[in-house]
């Protein structure tokens, strides 16, 4: 019971942390300060898409379709939950140093945050089956997760001349983001597994936009403040199949490493979301010091939108728990994105990734370094941006280690890693970044265990 309370307390603590952060993002008609996380690519849609992978997967480039093991959570493909043999609580955070470059100008900044948390467990404890001498045809698993879905943080200024050679300064500032809370279930039979996540999207996004006529004295400047509260339904489903390559060897020697190829598929259809919006549009002289005309002042206006369909697939080769490597491909149809309050025409996006892990000797008792997970990966993405700007791509390499430690008589792990990447190479604004990832996995085999007394 005490272990169960420990996990539940962690669950409540992290939810409270996320909720406080969401509530503090934006308020009605707030003049936003320049965001510390300044990414011009978060200007489009609901913001820049957050990385959905937990640390151990992120360090392998992102292998959501086909990766699974018995002690780590893979929230991308819900078919993996039924393969867990222990209750797992995972949380992660990151720190990122990025440099934006535009011609000869550059801007560098640090940012970071709590990145995710997940709680998953088998619905039937295998220790109970062992004690009761039961064999089950089906394994079941369940998971809960909370993580950012998109982030918004930009401060963009452009200066141009109109047909009369008069200067016009446009400024766009955005802050906030959205989060996804998911509940998932999975079932596994022999070499086939399937699962589904049901989720809730929520968050707040604030934007300030201004147009100033620099060359005309006492002219009216246009100022627009929009705060949008977003909510909607999310879902995705997935399947996995194991092709065992050395079945005859396993039949003769139960202790042999299982060599297999796991094929995975996941995806979702487009889903709708709703927005509640506060809109204030002013015509102002000299930043409120002189005459001000209110053009629009609307509170709690309702809007609708639509998120895109997603399809991902991949394969991964395993040599027991010692070695694994594979690839992943994901397509997102952002050309179908809709938002009637802030209309945008976006381009479709995709991500290709490859990577793997290596453990010299998972069973070693004398050499700790042989039990460490060594991870390496790479990715290439096309980002969802407006179809009137240049195509924006992102690529990077990642590396990490999984450090095992004992917690509640079970082996848990700390996952530490780094990603080096680039966004927008060859475009007007290029971003180089170094991202430090920290993830922790706590495992317990005593979840749902039945106590027996003689």
Protein backbone atom coordinates (compact mmCIF):
# COMPACT_ATOMS: atom_id res chain seq x y z
CA UNK A 1 0.00 0.00 0.00
CA UNK A 2 2.82 2.43 0.84
CA UNK A 3 4.37 2.00 -2.61
CA UNK A 4 1.05 2.63 -4.26
CA UNK A 5 0.59 5.81 -2.22
CA UNK A 6 4.08 6.95 -3.22
CA UNK A 7 3.21 6.73 -6.93
CA UNK A 8 -0.16 8.43 -6.43
CA UNK A 9 1.43 11.28 -4.48
CA UNK A 10 3.97 11.79 -7.27
CA UNK A 11 1.09 11.76 -9.77
CA UNK A 12 -0.81 14.49 -7.85
CA UNK A 13 2.33 16.60 -7.31
CA UNK A 14 3.20 16.74 -11.02
CA UNK A 15 -0.39 17.47 -12.10
CA UNK A 16 -0.47 20.37 -9.62
CA UNK A 17 2.80 21.72 -11.03
CA UNK A 18 1.50 21.61 -14.60
CA UNK A 19 -1.84 23.18 -13.67
CA UNK A 20 -0.20 26.11 -11.88
CA UNK A 21 2.00 26.70 -14.94
CA UNK A 22 -1.00 26.68 -17.28
CA UNK A 23 -3.02 29.05 -15.10
CA UNK A 24 -0.16 31.54 -14.99
CA UNK A 25 0.45 31.70 -18.72
CA UNK A 26 -1.80 34.51 -19.90
CA UNK A 27 -4.63 36.65 -18.63
CA UNK A 28 -7.21 38.71 -20.48
CA UNK A 29 -5.75 41.61 -22.42
CA UNK A 30 -2.28 41.25 -20.93
CA UNK A 31 0.49 43.06 -22.77
CA UNK A 32 2.92 40.17 -23.05
CA UNK A 33 6.56 40.51 -22.17
CA UNK A 34 9.13 39.18 -24.58
CA UNK A 35 9.15 35.39 -24.04
CA UNK A 36 12.32 33.75 -22.78
CA UNK A 37 11.73 30.84 -25.17
CA UNK A 38 12.01 32.80 -28.41
CA UNK A 39 11.39 30.53 -31.40
CA UNK A 40 9.95 32.15 -34.55
CA UNK A 41 8.69 28.71 -35.65
CA UNK A 42 6.13 28.76 -32.82
CA UNK A 43 4.30 31.54 -34.71
CA UNK A 44 2.37 29.02 -36.82
CA UNK A 45 -0.78 27.15 -35.82
CA UNK A 46 -1.07 26.37 -32.11
CA UNK A 47 2.68 26.74 -31.71
CA UNK A 48 5.77 24.63 -32.10
CA UNK A 49 5.12 20.92 -31.61
CA UNK A 50 6.68 19.50 -28.47
CA UNK A 51 8.80 16.37 -28.63
CA UNK A 52 6.48 13.52 -27.50
CA UNK A 53 9.30 11.07 -26.71
CA UNK A 54 10.44 10.27 -23.21
CA UNK A 55 14.18 10.56 -22.54
CA UNK A 56 15.18 6.96 -23.32
CA UNK A 57 13.45 7.19 -26.72
CA UNK A 58 14.57 10.72 -27.44
CA UNK A 59 18.21 9.65 -27.08
CA UNK A 60 17.63 7.13 -29.88
CA UNK A 61 16.28 9.75 -32.28
CA UNK A 62 12.64 8.89 -31.59
CA UNK A 63 11.59 5.25 -32.17
CA UNK A 64 7.96 5.40 -31.12
CA UNK A 65 6.44 2.81 -33.44
CA UNK A 66 8.44 -0.33 -32.62
CA UNK A 67 10.28 0.24 -29.33
CA UNK A 68 9.14 -1.45 -26.14
CA UNK A 69 10.55 -3.12 -23.07
CA UNK A 70 9.17 -4.34 -19.76
CA UNK A 71 10.13 -1.36 -17.59
CA UNK A 72 9.96 1.83 -19.72
CA UNK A 73 6.89 3.71 -20.99
CA UNK A 74 6.39 4.41 -24.68
CA UNK A 75 3.48 6.85 -24.81
CA UNK A 76 3.68 7.27 -28.62
CA UNK A 77 2.46 3.72 -29.37
CA UNK A 78 -0.09 2.60 -26.75
CA UNK A 79 0.26 -1.04 -27.84
CA UNK A 80 3.35 -1.22 -25.61
CA UNK A 81 1.64 -0.89 -22.20
CA UNK A 82 0.67 -4.58 -21.99
CA UNK A 83 4.35 -5.60 -22.20
CA UNK A 84 5.19 -3.94 -18.87
CA UNK A 85 6.04 -6.30 -16.02
CA UNK A 86 6.43 -3.55 -13.40
CA UNK A 87 4.64 -0.36 -12.49
CA UNK A 88 6.67 2.52 -13.96
CA UNK A 89 6.62 6.19 -13.06
CA UNK A 90 8.59 8.42 -15.44
CA UNK A 91 9.34 12.11 -15.36
CA UNK A 92 11.71 14.28 -17.34
CA UNK A 93 13.00 17.80 -17.72
CA UNK A 94 15.22 19.60 -20.18
CA UNK A 95 17.48 22.61 -20.59
CA UNK A 96 18.14 24.10 -24.02
CA UNK A 97 20.64 26.63 -25.29
CA UNK A 98 19.68 28.03 -28.70
CA UNK A 99 21.09 30.64 -31.07
CA UNK A 100 18.95 32.41 -33.67
CA UNK A 101 20.83 33.85 -36.65
CA UNK A 102 19.53 36.34 -39.22
CA UNK A 103 22.24 37.59 -41.51
CA UNK A 104 24.88 39.18 -39.31
CA UNK A 105 22.57 39.38 -36.30
CA UNK A 106 22.26 36.64 -33.69
CA UNK A 107 20.48 36.08 -30.39
CA UNK A 108 21.22 33.36 -27.82
CA UNK A 109 19.17 32.21 -24.84
CA UNK A 110 18.71 29.45 -22.29
CA UNK A 111 15.34 27.91 -21.48
CA UNK A 112 14.06 24.75 -19.85
CA UNK A 113 11.12 23.19 -18.08
CA UNK A 114 9.50 20.06 -16.75
CA UNK A 115 8.92 18.03 -19.90
CA UNK A 116 6.60 15.11 -19.12
CA UNK A 117 5.42 12.60 -16.64
CA UNK A 118 3.84 9.17 -17.09
CA UNK A 119 2.49 6.41 -14.89
CA UNK A 120 1.94 2.94 -16.40
CA UNK A 121 1.45 -0.55 -14.98
CA UNK A 122 0.33 -4.08 -15.89
CA UNK A 123 -3.25 -4.71 -14.85
CA UNK A 124 -2.28 -8.21 -13.74
CA UNK A 125 0.86 -8.59 -11.63
CA UNK A 126 3.02 -11.45 -13.02
CA UNK A 127 4.13 -12.31 -9.47
CA UNK A 128 0.53 -13.23 -8.63
CA UNK A 129 0.35 -15.55 -11.61
CA UNK A 130 3.62 -17.18 -10.62
CA UNK A 131 2.42 -17.77 -7.05
CA UNK A 132 -0.98 -19.02 -8.24
CA UNK A 133 0.61 -21.10 -11.05
CA UNK A 134 -1.58 -19.45 -13.66
CA UNK A 135 -0.92 -19.01 -17.34
CA UNK A 136 -2.74 -16.19 -19.07
CA UNK A 137 -3.57 -15.89 -22.75
CA UNK A 138 -3.74 -12.10 -22.55
CA UNK A 139 -1.65 -9.41 -20.89
CA UNK A 140 -3.21 -6.03 -20.08
CA UNK A 141 -1.66 -2.65 -19.35
CA UNK A 142 -2.79 0.88 -18.52
CA UNK A 143 -1.07 4.28 -18.59
CA UNK A 144 -1.62 7.94 -17.69
CA UNK A 145 0.50 10.78 -19.03
CA UNK A 146 0.73 14.55 -19.06
CA UNK A 147 3.07 16.56 -21.29
CA UNK A 148 3.19 19.69 -23.47
CA UNK A 149 1.57 19.39 -26.89
CA UNK A 150 2.69 22.75 -28.32
CA UNK A 151 4.71 25.69 -27.02
CA UNK A 152 4.41 29.33 -28.07
CA UNK A 153 7.21 31.81 -27.52
CA UNK A 154 8.24 34.44 -30.08
CA UNK A 155 8.98 38.14 -30.42
CA UNK A 156 9.24 39.12 -34.10
CA UNK A 157 9.72 42.64 -35.48
CA UNK A 158 9.81 43.61 -39.15
CA UNK A 159 10.43 47.05 -40.70
CA UNK A 160 9.33 47.86 -44.24
CA UNK A 161 8.52 50.76 -46.54
CA UNK A 162 5.13 51.31 -48.18
CA UNK A 163 4.60 52.70 -51.69
CA UNK A 164 5.17 56.25 -50.41
CA UNK A 165 8.49 55.33 -48.76
CA UNK A 166 6.93 55.61 -45.33
CA UNK A 167 8.29 53.30 -42.63
CA UNK A 168 6.01 50.63 -41.15
CA UNK A 169 7.04 48.58 -38.11
CA UNK A 170 5.18 45.35 -37.37
CA UNK A 171 5.66 43.50 -34.09
CA UNK A 172 4.33 40.06 -33.15
CA UNK A 173 4.67 38.62 -29.63
CA UNK A 174 3.28 35.26 -28.51
CA UNK A 175 3.41 33.20 -25.33
CA UNK A 176 1.75 30.16 -23.78
CA UNK A 177 1.07 26.71 -25.13
CA UNK A 178 -1.11 23.62 -24.89
CA UNK A 179 -0.91 20.36 -22.94
CA UNK A 180 -2.19 16.84 -23.51
CA UNK A 181 -3.45 14.56 -20.74
CA UNK A 182 -3.84 10.94 -21.92
CA UNK A 183 -5.28 7.71 -20.56
CA UNK A 184 -4.28 4.55 -22.41
CA UNK A 185 -5.03 0.82 -22.39
CA UNK A 186 -3.36 -2.10 -24.14
CA UNK A 187 -3.81 -5.82 -24.70
CA UNK A 188 -1.21 -8.39 -25.76
CA UNK A 189 -1.59 -11.98 -26.94
CA UNK A 190 1.44 -14.02 -28.00
CA UNK A 191 3.35 -11.86 -30.50
CA UNK A 192 0.60 -9.31 -31.22
CA UNK A 193 -0.42 -6.28 -29.16
CA UNK A 194 -2.79 -3.35 -29.62
CA UNK A 195 -3.69 -0.27 -27.63
CA UNK A 196 -5.40 3.10 -27.61
CA UNK A 197 -4.87 6.49 -25.94
CA UNK A 198 -7.76 8.82 -25.16
CA UNK A 199 -6.78 12.35 -24.28
CA UNK A 200 -7.78 15.91 -23.45
CA UNK A 201 -6.08 18.96 -24.99
CA UNK A 202 -6.03 22.18 -22.98
CA UNK A 203 -4.03 25.38 -22.63
CA UNK A 204 -3.85 29.12 -23.27
CA UNK A 205 -2.15 31.14 -25.99
CA UNK A 206 -1.71 34.91 -25.93
CA UNK A 207 -0.66 37.07 -28.87
CA UNK A 208 0.05 40.81 -29.25
CA UNK A 209 0.24 42.35 -32.71
CA UNK A 210 1.03 45.96 -33.56
CA UNK A 211 1.41 48.02 -36.73
CA UNK A 212 3.14 51.40 -36.35
CA UNK A 213 3.51 54.14 -38.96
CA UNK A 214 6.95 55.51 -38.06
CA UNK A 215 7.13 58.32 -40.63
CA UNK A 216 3.82 60.02 -39.88
CA UNK A 217 3.47 62.21 -36.80
CA UNK A 218 0.39 61.70 -34.63
CA UNK A 219 -0.76 58.77 -36.73
CA UNK A 220 -2.86 56.03 -35.18
CA UNK A 221 -1.09 52.72 -34.53
CA UNK A 222 -3.03 49.46 -34.65
CA UNK A 223 -2.75 47.22 -31.57
CA UNK A 224 -4.41 43.82 -31.25
CA UNK A 225 -4.47 41.59 -28.14
CA UNK A 226 -5.87 38.07 -28.41
CA UNK A 227 -5.99 35.47 -25.64
CA UNK A 228 -7.28 32.04 -26.61
CA UNK A 229 -8.13 29.18 -24.24
CA UNK A 230 -7.95 25.89 -26.13
CA UNK A 231 -9.69 22.60 -25.33
CA UNK A 232 -10.39 19.47 -27.30
CA UNK A 233 -10.37 15.68 -27.58
CA UNK A 234 -7.32 13.65 -28.62
CA UNK A 235 -6.85 10.00 -29.43
CA UNK A 236 -4.41 7.66 -31.09
CA UNK A 237 -4.14 3.90 -31.50
CA UNK A 238 -1.30 1.53 -32.24
CA UNK A 239 -0.36 -2.08 -32.93
CA UNK A 240 2.85 -4.10 -32.73
CA UNK A 241 3.89 -7.54 -34.00
CA UNK A 242 6.99 -9.57 -33.08
CA UNK A 243 8.68 -11.73 -35.71
CA UNK A 244 10.84 -14.15 -33.71
CA UNK A 245 13.98 -15.14 -35.62
CA UNK A 246 15.36 -17.96 -33.43
CA UNK A 247 12.30 -19.82 -32.20
CA UNK A 248 13.94 -23.25 -32.55
CA UNK A 249 16.87 -22.13 -30.40
CA UNK A 250 14.49 -20.80 -27.74
CA UNK A 251 12.60 -24.12 -27.71
CA UNK A 252 15.83 -25.96 -26.94
CA UNK A 253 17.31 -23.38 -24.53
CA UNK A 254 14.97 -21.19 -22.49
CA UNK A 255 17.90 -19.03 -21.40
CA UNK A 256 18.88 -18.00 -24.93
CA UNK A 257 18.49 -14.40 -26.05
CA UNK A 258 15.31 -13.85 -28.06
CA UNK A 259 16.21 -12.38 -31.43
CA UNK A 260 13.27 -10.68 -33.09
CA UNK A 261 12.08 -7.87 -35.32
CA UNK A 262 9.22 -5.79 -33.94
CA UNK A 263 6.99 -4.00 -36.44
CA UNK A 264 4.90 -1.08 -35.19
CA UNK A 265 2.14 1.17 -36.51
CA UNK A 266 0.30 4.06 -34.83
CA UNK A 267 -1.90 6.95 -35.86
CA UNK A 268 -5.04 9.00 -35.42
CA UNK A 269 -7.65 10.78 -37.47
CA UNK A 270 -8.15 14.53 -37.44
CA UNK A 271 -9.82 15.84 -34.27
CA UNK A 272 -11.71 19.02 -33.47
CA UNK A 273 -10.92 21.58 -30.78
CA UNK A 274 -12.68 24.63 -29.36
CA UNK A 275 -11.37 28.04 -28.36
CA UNK A 276 -12.70 30.68 -25.98
CA UNK A 277 -11.24 34.03 -26.99
CA UNK A 278 -10.79 37.53 -25.62
CA UNK A 279 -10.09 40.03 -28.42
CA UNK A 280 -9.16 43.71 -28.04
CA UNK A 281 -8.36 45.85 -31.11
CA UNK A 282 -7.28 49.45 -30.56
CA UNK A 283 -6.23 52.42 -32.65
CA UNK A 284 -3.72 54.29 -30.49
CA UNK A 285 -1.51 57.35 -30.68
CA UNK A 286 1.91 57.13 -29.02
CA UNK A 287 1.25 54.05 -26.88
CA UNK A 288 -1.90 55.16 -25.05
CA UNK A 289 -0.58 58.66 -24.18
CA UNK A 290 -2.94 60.36 -26.62
CA UNK A 291 -6.26 59.50 -28.20
CA UNK A 292 -7.36 55.88 -28.25
CA UNK A 293 -10.20 54.35 -30.23
CA UNK A 294 -11.54 50.89 -29.37
CA UNK A 295 -12.35 49.07 -32.60
CA UNK A 296 -13.15 45.61 -31.16
CA UNK A 297 -13.65 44.52 -27.54
CA UNK A 298 -15.01 40.98 -27.26
CA UNK A 299 -14.95 38.71 -24.21
CA UNK A 300 -15.41 34.91 -24.36
CA UNK A 301 -16.12 34.61 -28.06
CA UNK A 302 -16.27 30.99 -29.20
CA UNK A 303 -14.20 29.50 -32.00
CA UNK A 304 -13.50 26.12 -33.53
CA UNK A 305 -10.55 24.39 -35.14
CA UNK A 306 -9.24 21.06 -36.33
CA UNK A 307 -6.00 19.19 -35.68
CA UNK A 308 -4.43 16.96 -38.34
CA UNK A 309 -4.35 13.20 -38.80
CA UNK A 310 -1.08 11.41 -38.00
CA UNK A 311 0.39 8.12 -39.21
CA UNK A 312 3.63 6.55 -38.03
CA UNK A 313 5.34 3.22 -38.62
CA UNK A 314 8.69 1.58 -37.98
CA UNK A 315 10.63 -1.57 -37.23
CA UNK A 316 13.27 -2.53 -34.66
CA UNK A 317 15.64 -5.47 -34.31
CA UNK A 318 16.35 -6.87 -30.82
CA UNK A 319 18.99 -9.24 -29.56
CA UNK A 320 17.47 -9.89 -26.14
CA UNK A 321 17.91 -6.85 -23.88
CA UNK A 322 21.52 -6.41 -24.99
CA UNK A 323 21.09 -4.73 -28.36
CA UNK A 324 18.39 -3.00 -30.36
CA UNK A 325 18.24 -0.68 -33.38
CA UNK A 326 15.57 0.49 -35.78
CA UNK A 327 13.88 3.31 -37.67
CA UNK A 328 10.68 5.38 -37.47
CA UNK A 329 8.67 7.45 -39.96
CA UNK A 330 5.82 9.78 -39.02
CA UNK A 331 3.55 11.88 -41.25
CA UNK A 332 1.30 14.71 -40.02
CA UNK A 333 -1.30 16.25 -42.34
CA UNK A 334 -1.13 19.86 -41.16
CA UNK A 335 -2.54 21.10 -44.48
CA UNK A 336 -5.94 20.13 -42.97
CA UNK A 337 -5.40 22.38 -39.90
CA UNK A 338 -8.20 24.86 -39.17
CA UNK A 339 -8.64 27.68 -36.64
CA UNK A 340 -11.33 30.24 -37.42
CA UNK A 341 -10.05 32.75 -34.82
CA UNK A 342 -6.49 32.71 -36.14
CA UNK A 343 -6.67 31.27 -39.66
CA UNK A 344 -3.48 29.70 -41.02
CA UNK A 345 -2.69 27.64 -44.09
CA UNK A 346 0.02 25.20 -43.09
CA UNK A 347 2.10 22.60 -44.89
CA UNK A 348 2.23 18.88 -44.13
CA UNK A 349 5.06 17.65 -41.92
CA UNK A 350 7.08 14.47 -41.50
CA UNK A 351 9.91 13.07 -39.37
CA UNK A 352 12.38 10.28 -40.17
CA UNK A 353 14.47 8.91 -37.31
CA UNK A 354 16.85 6.04 -36.64
CA UNK A 355 18.80 4.84 -33.64
CA UNK A 356 19.34 2.14 -31.09
CA UNK A 357 20.83 1.04 -27.78
CA UNK A 358 23.59 -1.26 -26.58
CA UNK A 359 24.23 -2.89 -23.19
CA UNK A 360 27.52 -4.87 -23.04
CA UNK A 361 26.25 -7.30 -20.37
CA UNK A 362 22.82 -6.67 -18.84
CA UNK A 363 23.37 -9.41 -16.21
CA UNK A 364 26.83 -8.34 -15.04
CA UNK A 365 27.23 -8.18 -11.24
CA UNK A 366 30.87 -7.11 -11.19
CA UNK A 367 31.02 -4.30 -13.76
CA UNK A 368 28.45 -1.50 -13.47
CA UNK A 369 29.43 0.04 -16.82
CA UNK A 370 28.42 -3.15 -18.63
CA UNK A 371 24.82 -2.73 -17.37
CA UNK A 372 24.47 0.84 -18.66
CA UNK A 373 22.23 1.55 -21.68
CA UNK A 374 24.29 3.37 -24.32
CA UNK A 375 21.96 5.13 -26.78
CA UNK A 376 22.48 6.91 -30.11
CA UNK A 377 20.11 8.34 -32.69
CA UNK A 378 19.46 10.86 -35.46
CA UNK A 379 16.40 12.55 -36.99
CA UNK A 380 15.34 14.69 -39.95
CA UNK A 381 12.05 16.63 -40.00
CA UNK A 382 10.05 18.94 -42.19
CA UNK A 383 8.18 21.37 -39.91
CA UNK A 384 4.56 22.51 -40.36
CA UNK A 385 4.87 26.15 -41.45
CA UNK A 386 2.96 28.57 -43.66
CA UNK A 387 2.93 27.74 -47.36
CA UNK A 388 3.99 31.34 -48.16
CA UNK A 389 7.42 30.98 -46.51
CA UNK A 390 10.41 28.84 -47.34
CA UNK A 391 10.31 25.17 -46.39
CA UNK A 392 11.71 24.75 -42.88
CA UNK A 393 13.55 21.57 -41.97
CA UNK A 394 15.18 20.35 -38.78
CA UNK A 395 17.81 17.71 -38.19
CA UNK A 396 19.97 16.55 -35.33
CA UNK A 397 21.83 13.79 -33.55
CA UNK A 398 21.35 12.60 -29.98
CA UNK A 399 23.20 10.43 -27.52
CA UNK A 400 22.47 9.29 -23.99
CA UNK A 401 23.02 6.78 -21.25
CA UNK A 402 20.61 4.92 -19.01
CA UNK A 403 22.10 4.55 -15.54
CA UNK A 404 20.50 1.71 -13.52
CA UNK A 405 19.94 2.06 -9.78
CA UNK A 406 17.91 0.18 -7.17
CA UNK A 407 14.64 1.66 -5.90
CA UNK A 408 12.08 -0.28 -3.80
CA UNK A 409 14.01 -3.49 -4.50
CA UNK A 410 13.61 -3.00 -8.26
CA UNK A 411 16.07 -1.76 -10.85
CA UNK A 412 15.13 1.75 -11.97
CA UNK A 413 17.14 4.14 -14.14
CA UNK A 414 18.27 7.71 -14.71
CA UNK A 415 18.44 8.70 -18.38
CA UNK A 416 20.86 11.48 -19.27
CA UNK A 417 21.53 12.72 -22.78
CA UNK A 418 22.15 15.55 -25.21
CA UNK A 419 20.78 16.53 -28.62
CA UNK A 420 22.58 18.75 -31.13
CA UNK A 421 20.29 20.14 -33.81
CA UNK A 422 19.46 22.79 -36.39
CA UNK A 423 16.21 24.34 -37.63
CA UNK A 424 15.68 26.40 -40.76
CA UNK A 425 19.03 25.90 -42.46
CA UNK A 426 19.11 27.91 -45.69
CA UNK A 427 16.19 30.15 -44.61
CA UNK A 428 16.12 33.77 -43.44
CA UNK A 429 16.25 32.72 -39.78
CA UNK A 430 18.37 29.76 -38.69
CA UNK A 431 18.36 28.20 -35.23
CA UNK A 432 21.09 26.02 -33.74
CA UNK A 433 20.39 24.35 -30.41
CA UNK A 434 21.87 22.10 -27.77
CA UNK A 435 19.30 20.33 -25.63
CA UNK A 436 20.14 18.55 -22.37
CA UNK A 437 17.63 15.85 -21.39
CA UNK A 438 17.14 14.37 -17.93
CA UNK A 439 14.70 11.53 -17.35
CA UNK A 440 14.01 9.28 -14.37
CA UNK A 441 12.20 5.93 -14.33
CA UNK A 442 11.04 4.41 -11.04
CA UNK A 443 9.87 0.78 -11.18
CA UNK A 444 7.98 -1.33 -8.65
CA UNK A 445 6.92 -4.99 -8.89
CA UNK A 446 4.56 -4.74 -5.90
CA UNK A 447 1.76 -2.94 -7.73
CA UNK A 448 -1.51 -4.95 -7.41
CA UNK A 449 0.32 -7.79 -5.66
CA UNK A 450 -1.86 -10.04 -3.50
CA UNK A 451 -0.46 -10.66 -0.03
CA UNK A 452 -0.56 -14.25 1.18
CA UNK A 453 -0.08 -15.36 4.74
CA UNK A 454 0.35 -18.85 6.14
